[in-house]
Amino acid sequence: MEKKVIFITGGCRSGKSRFALDYANHYFSKKIYLATCEPLDEEMVNRIEDHKRMRGSEWETVEEPIGIVDKIRQYGKEAEVILLDCITLWISNLLLKWDDDSRIMEEIERLRIAIKEIGASMILVSNEVGMGIVPADPLSRRFRDLSGIANQKIGEASDQVIFMVSGIPLFLKGAR
């Protein structure tokens, strides 16, 4: 399969990760799962373990909450596909670490460039957070705005964009 950049977005529990895993398992053999989640509480530890069980042993897992661009460049030379799950958690991690929107925007741009430059295919998963009410507090509004901008940039750089609703993929860009 030729290199492809696939962006999967949708609401929480819409089936994004399951669809991404199924797609990668169907089309690729050398797979890297790039996880942005940190196990900060017991519930998150359990979610991470569930995700690992879902993936199985044929996946190499790389956990990186902040420096995903460097990991993509590093592993993009040896993998057929890198599945990045998820962009919105990465944005949250960046906000908590830096509290500097311009620096976060630079990282988003670095990500957009990296996914186009590496040799491996990319599957990127992100939540669509801008379809609800305007958040009441400034941090939540910044998170929503930065996530929306990141999703737009990644969608533009992607060959295929899929919006998940209730476990059903809606193909917004690129052939099915």
C-alpha atoms as a PDB file:
ATOM      1  CA  MET A   1       0.000   0.000   0.000  1.00  0.00           C
ATOM      2  CA  GLU A   2       1.295   3.458  -0.831  1.00  0.00           C
ATOM      3  CA  LYS A   3       1.749   5.998   1.943  1.00  0.00           C
ATOM      4  CA  LYS A   4      -1.500   7.504   3.195  1.00  0.00           C
ATOM      5  CA  VAL A   5      -2.459  10.024   5.872  1.00  0.00           C
ATOM      6  CA  ILE A   6      -5.828   9.160   7.400  1.00  0.00           C
ATOM      7  CA  PHE A   7      -7.556  11.437   9.894  1.00  0.00           C
ATOM      8  CA  ILE A   8     -10.375  10.009  12.016  1.00  0.00           C
ATOM      9  CA  THR A   9     -12.453  12.372  14.116  1.00  0.00           C
ATOM     10  CA  GLY A  10     -15.762  12.272  15.954  1.00  0.00           C
ATOM     11  CA  GLY A  11     -17.269  12.483  19.396  1.00  0.00           C
ATOM     12  CA  CYS A  12     -16.192  10.588  22.488  1.00  0.00           C
ATOM     13  CA  ARG A  13     -16.987   6.876  22.274  1.00  0.00           C
ATOM     14  CA  SER A  14     -17.994   7.231  18.606  1.00  0.00           C
ATOM     15  CA  GLY A  15     -15.817   4.289  17.519  1.00  0.00           C
ATOM     16  CA  LYS A  16     -12.770   6.249  16.320  1.00  0.00           C
ATOM     17  CA  SER A  17     -10.082   4.111  17.949  1.00  0.00           C
ATOM     18  CA  ARG A  18     -11.748   0.823  17.026  1.00  0.00           C
ATOM     19  CA  PHE A  19     -12.095   1.926  13.390  1.00  0.00           C
ATOM     20  CA  ALA A  20      -8.446   3.097  13.319  1.00  0.00           C
ATOM     21  CA  LEU A  21      -7.204  -0.213  14.753  1.00  0.00           C
ATOM     22  CA  ASP A  22      -9.320  -2.292  12.362  1.00  0.00           C
ATOM     23  CA  TYR A  23      -8.098  -0.240   9.394  1.00  0.00           C
ATOM     24  CA  ALA A  24      -4.442  -0.572  10.393  1.00  0.00           C
ATOM     25  CA  ASN A  25      -4.765  -4.288  11.126  1.00  0.00           C
ATOM     26  CA  HIS A  26      -6.345  -4.853   7.710  1.00  0.00           C
ATOM     27  CA  TYR A  27      -3.803  -2.934   5.606  1.00  0.00           C
ATOM     28  CA  PHE A  28      -0.480  -2.946   7.498  1.00  0.00           C
ATOM     29  CA  SER A  29       1.834  -5.406   9.224  1.00  0.00           C
ATOM     30  CA  LYS A  30       4.594  -3.239  10.840  1.00  0.00           C
ATOM     31  CA  LYS A  31       2.504  -1.042  13.144  1.00  0.00           C
ATOM     32  CA  ILE A  32       3.381   1.526  15.796  1.00  0.00           C
ATOM     33  CA  TYR A  33       0.760   2.774  18.243  1.00  0.00           C
ATOM     34  CA  LEU A  34       1.718   6.245  19.497  1.00  0.00           C
ATOM     35  CA  ALA A  35      -0.226   6.898  22.696  1.00  0.00           C
ATOM     36  CA  THR A  36      -0.513  10.402  24.147  1.00  0.00           C
ATOM     37  CA  CYS A  37      -2.278   9.333  27.338  1.00  0.00           C
ATOM     38  CA  GLU A  38      -0.629   9.368  30.738  1.00  0.00           C
ATOM     39  CA  PRO A  39      -1.886   6.968  33.438  1.00  0.00           C
ATOM     40  CA  LEU A  40      -2.656   9.649  36.036  1.00  0.00           C
ATOM     41  CA  ASP A  41      -5.449   7.792  37.843  1.00  0.00           C
ATOM     42  CA  GLU A  42      -6.754   4.252  38.266  1.00  0.00           C
ATOM     43  CA  GLU A  43      -9.545   4.643  35.723  1.00  0.00           C
ATOM     44  CA  MET A  44      -7.043   5.806  33.074  1.00  0.00           C
ATOM     45  CA  VAL A  45      -4.699   2.922  33.928  1.00  0.00           C
ATOM     46  CA  ASN A  46      -7.611   0.531  33.278  1.00  0.00           C
ATOM     47  CA  ARG A  47      -8.438   2.246  29.957  1.00  0.00           C
ATOM     48  CA  ILE A  48      -4.822   1.977  28.830  1.00  0.00           C
ATOM     49  CA  GLU A  49      -4.745  -1.740  29.698  1.00  0.00           C
ATOM     50  CA  ASP A  50      -8.012  -2.289  27.793  1.00  0.00           C
ATOM     51  CA  HIS A  51      -6.553  -0.532  24.744  1.00  0.00           C
ATOM     52  CA  LYS A  52      -3.404  -2.669  24.917  1.00  0.00           C
ATOM     53  CA  ARG A  53      -5.498  -5.844  25.038  1.00  0.00           C
ATOM     54  CA  MET A  54      -7.543  -4.615  22.069  1.00  0.00           C
ATOM     55  CA  ARG A  55      -4.380  -4.034  20.017  1.00  0.00           C
ATOM     56  CA  GLY A  56      -2.727  -7.338  20.712  1.00  0.00           C
ATOM     57  CA  SER A  57       0.931  -8.286  20.549  1.00  0.00           C
ATOM     58  CA  GLU A  58       1.485  -7.384  16.889  1.00  0.00           C
ATOM     59  CA  TRP A  59       1.588  -3.683  17.773  1.00  0.00           C
ATOM     60  CA  GLU A  60       4.599  -1.835  19.108  1.00  0.00           C
ATOM     61  CA  THR A  61       3.389   0.757  21.609  1.00  0.00           C
ATOM     62  CA  VAL A  62       5.195   4.050  22.135  1.00  0.00           C
ATOM     63  CA  GLU A  63       3.883   6.246  24.954  1.00  0.00           C
ATOM     64  CA  GLU A  64       4.644   9.953  24.570  1.00  0.00           C
ATOM     65  CA  PRO A  65       2.397  12.690  25.994  1.00  0.00           C
ATOM     66  CA  ILE A  66       4.284  15.737  24.625  1.00  0.00           C
ATOM     67  CA  GLY A  67       7.043  15.042  22.073  1.00  0.00           C
ATOM     68  CA  ILE A  68       4.985  13.205  19.464  1.00  0.00           C
ATOM     69  CA  VAL A  69       6.577  14.957  16.478  1.00  0.00           C
ATOM     70  CA  ASP A  70      10.018  13.634  17.396  1.00  0.00           C
ATOM     71  CA  LYS A  71       8.587  10.127  17.889  1.00  0.00           C
ATOM     72  CA  ILE A  72       6.820  10.293  14.513  1.00  0.00           C
ATOM     73  CA  ARG A  73      10.062  11.295  12.802  1.00  0.00           C
ATOM     74  CA  GLN A  74      11.963   8.554  14.666  1.00  0.00           C
ATOM     75  CA  TYR A  75       9.540   5.698  13.997  1.00  0.00           C
ATOM     76  CA  GLY A  76       8.384   6.945  10.599  1.00  0.00           C
ATOM     77  CA  LYS A  77      11.520   5.432   9.088  1.00  0.00           C
ATOM     78  CA  GLU A  78      10.867   1.865  10.225  1.00  0.00           C
ATOM     79  CA  ALA A  79       7.094   1.417  10.494  1.00  0.00           C
ATOM     80  CA  GLU A  80       4.546   0.924   7.733  1.00  0.00           C
ATOM     81  CA  VAL A  81       2.002   2.877   9.768  1.00  0.00           C
ATOM     82  CA  ILE A  82       1.905   4.975  12.905  1.00  0.00           C
ATOM     83  CA  LEU A  83      -1.454   5.253  14.633  1.00  0.00           C
ATOM     84  CA  LEU A  84      -1.541   8.386  16.800  1.00  0.00           C
ATOM     85  CA  ASP A  85      -4.266   8.290  19.457  1.00  0.00           C
ATOM     86  CA  CYS A  86      -5.164  11.006  20.260  1.00  0.00           C
ATOM     87  CA  ILE A  87      -4.622  14.598  19.155  1.00  0.00           C
ATOM     88  CA  THR A  88      -6.999  16.180  21.681  1.00  0.00           C
ATOM     89  CA  LEU A  89      -5.295  14.517  24.626  1.00  0.00           C
ATOM     90  CA  TRP A  90      -1.957  15.732  23.232  1.00  0.00           C
ATOM     91  CA  ILE A  91      -3.359  19.300  23.014  1.00  0.00           C
ATOM     92  CA  SER A  92      -4.514  19.009  26.634  1.00  0.00           C
ATOM     93  CA  ASN A  93      -1.043  17.817  27.677  1.00  0.00           C
ATOM     94  CA  LEU A  94       0.580  20.745  25.857  1.00  0.00           C
ATOM     95  CA  LEU A  95      -1.791  23.272  27.464  1.00  0.00           C
ATOM     96  CA  LEU A  96      -1.010  21.973  30.927  1.00  0.00           C
ATOM     97  CA  LYS A  97       2.742  21.937  30.297  1.00  0.00           C
ATOM     98  CA  TRP A  98       3.271  25.213  28.452  1.00  0.00           C
ATOM     99  CA  ASP A  99       0.231  27.506  28.837  1.00  0.00           C
ATOM    100  CA  ASP A 100       1.475  29.241  25.670  1.00  0.00           C
ATOM    101  CA  ASP A 101      -0.871  29.132  22.682  1.00  0.00           C
ATOM    102  CA  SER A 102       1.752  30.309  20.177  1.00  0.00           C
ATOM    103  CA  ARG A 103       4.137  27.528  21.233  1.00  0.00           C
ATOM    104  CA  ILE A 104       1.300  24.991  20.956  1.00  0.00           C
ATOM    105  CA  MET A 105       0.459  26.328  17.484  1.00  0.00           C
ATOM    106  CA  GLU A 106       4.103  25.808  16.504  1.00  0.00           C
ATOM    107  CA  GLU A 107       3.878  22.176  17.657  1.00  0.00           C
ATOM    108  CA  ILE A 108       0.669  21.688  15.678  1.00  0.00           C
ATOM    109  CA  GLU A 109       2.442  23.041  12.583  1.00  0.00           C
ATOM    110  CA  ARG A 110       5.434  20.764  13.233  1.00  0.00           C
ATOM    111  CA  LEU A 111       3.004  17.840  13.382  1.00  0.00           C
ATOM    112  CA  ARG A 112       1.344  18.856  10.107  1.00  0.00           C
ATOM    113  CA  ILE A 113       4.737  18.975   8.390  1.00  0.00           C
ATOM    114  CA  ALA A 114       5.985  15.712   9.911  1.00  0.00           C
ATOM    115  CA  ILE A 115       2.980  13.652   8.811  1.00  0.00           C
ATOM    116  CA  LYS A 116       3.615  14.743   5.225  1.00  0.00           C
ATOM    117  CA  GLU A 117       7.395  14.192   5.300  1.00  0.00           C
ATOM    118  CA  ILE A 118       7.795  10.745   6.890  1.00  0.00           C
ATOM    119  CA  GLY A 119       7.816   7.557   4.857  1.00  0.00           C
ATOM    120  CA  ALA A 120       5.231   5.701   6.943  1.00  0.00           C
ATOM    121  CA  SER A 121       1.496   6.015   6.598  1.00  0.00           C
ATOM    122  CA  MET A 122      -0.236   7.831   9.458  1.00  0.00           C
ATOM    123  CA  ILE A 123      -3.598   7.317  11.089  1.00  0.00           C
ATOM    124  CA  LEU A 124      -4.452  10.193  13.418  1.00  0.00           C
ATOM    125  CA  VAL A 125      -7.369  10.092  15.862  1.00  0.00           C
ATOM    126  CA  SER A 126      -8.928  13.210  17.375  1.00  0.00           C
ATOM    127  CA  ASN A 127     -12.103  14.252  19.129  1.00  0.00           C
ATOM    128  CA  GLU A 128     -14.415  16.745  17.499  1.00  0.00           C
ATOM    129  CA  VAL A 129     -14.928  19.118  20.425  1.00  0.00           C
ATOM    130  CA  GLY A 130     -16.482  22.159  18.753  1.00  0.00           C
ATOM    131  CA  MET A 131     -20.009  20.905  18.157  1.00  0.00           C
ATOM    132  CA  GLY A 132     -21.436  21.696  21.600  1.00  0.00           C
ATOM    133  CA  ILE A 133     -21.982  24.798  23.654  1.00  0.00           C
ATOM    134  CA  VAL A 134     -19.310  27.440  24.164  1.00  0.00           C
ATOM    135  CA  PRO A 135     -17.389  26.479  27.320  1.00  0.00           C
ATOM    136  CA  ALA A 136     -17.850  28.730  30.356  1.00  0.00           C
ATOM    137  CA  ASP A 137     -14.183  29.077  31.338  1.00  0.00           C
ATOM    138  CA  PRO A 138     -11.166  30.459  29.425  1.00  0.00           C
ATOM    139  CA  LEU A 139      -9.011  27.297  29.632  1.00  0.00           C
ATOM    140  CA  SER A 140     -11.797  25.151  28.159  1.00  0.00           C
ATOM    141  CA  ARG A 141     -12.364  27.679  25.350  1.00  0.00           C
ATOM    142  CA  ARG A 142      -8.628  27.698  24.561  1.00  0.00           C
ATOM    143  CA  PHE A 143      -8.621  23.898  24.501  1.00  0.00           C
ATOM    144  CA  ARG A 144     -11.624  23.845  22.164  1.00  0.00           C
ATOM    145  CA  ASP A 145     -10.059  26.463  19.873  1.00  0.00           C
ATOM    146  CA  LEU A 146      -6.624  24.836  19.722  1.00  0.00           C
ATOM    147  CA  SER A 147      -8.176  21.411  19.131  1.00  0.00           C
ATOM    148  CA  GLY A 148     -10.329  22.811  16.336  1.00  0.00           C
ATOM    149  CA  ILE A 149      -7.339  24.471  14.674  1.00  0.00           C
ATOM    150  CA  ALA A 150      -5.287  21.272  14.995  1.00  0.00           C
ATOM    151  CA  ASN A 151      -8.123  19.245  13.461  1.00  0.00           C
ATOM    152  CA  GLN A 152      -8.405  21.684  10.546  1.00  0.00           C
ATOM    153  CA  LYS A 153      -4.665  21.558   9.830  1.00  0.00           C
ATOM    154  CA  ILE A 154      -4.531  17.776  10.079  1.00  0.00           C
ATOM    155  CA  GLY A 155      -7.649  17.397   7.957  1.00  0.00           C
ATOM    156  CA  GLU A 156      -6.116  19.605   5.273  1.00  0.00           C
ATOM    157  CA  ALA A 157      -2.878  17.576   5.306  1.00  0.00           C
ATOM    158  CA  SER A 158      -4.706  14.229   5.172  1.00  0.00           C
ATOM    159  CA  ASP A 159      -5.511  12.105   2.149  1.00  0.00           C
ATOM    160  CA  GLN A 160      -8.631  10.807   3.829  1.00  0.00           C
ATOM    161  CA  VAL A 161     -10.862  12.276   6.558  1.00  0.00           C
ATOM    162  CA  ILE A 162     -13.403  10.094   8.340  1.00  0.00           C
ATOM    163  CA  PHE A 163     -16.014  11.334  10.793  1.00  0.00           C
ATOM    164  CA  MET A 164     -17.309   8.673  13.171  1.00  0.00           C
ATOM    165  CA  VAL A 165     -20.883   8.736  14.473  1.00  0.00           C
ATOM    166  CA  SER A 166     -22.279   5.888  16.598  1.00  0.00           C
ATOM    167  CA  GLY A 167     -19.639   3.512  15.256  1.00  0.00           C
ATOM    168  CA  ILE A 168     -20.404   4.376  11.632  1.00  0.00           C
ATOM    169  CA  PRO A 169     -17.718   5.983   9.451  1.00  0.00           C
ATOM    170  CA  LEU A 170     -18.710   8.934   7.285  1.00  0.00           C
ATOM    171  CA  PHE A 171     -16.081   9.548   4.619  1.00  0.00           C
ATOM    172  CA  LEU A 172     -15.618  13.303   4.272  1.00  0.00           C
ATOM    173  CA  LYS A 173     -12.461  13.423   2.162  1.00  0.00           C
ATOM    174  CA  GLY A 174     -10.736  10.873  -0.045  1.00  0.00           C
ATOM    175  CA  ALA A 175     -11.937   7.632  -1.551  1.00  0.00           C
ATOM    176  CA  ARG A 176     -13.356   4.913   0.637  1.00  0.00           C
END
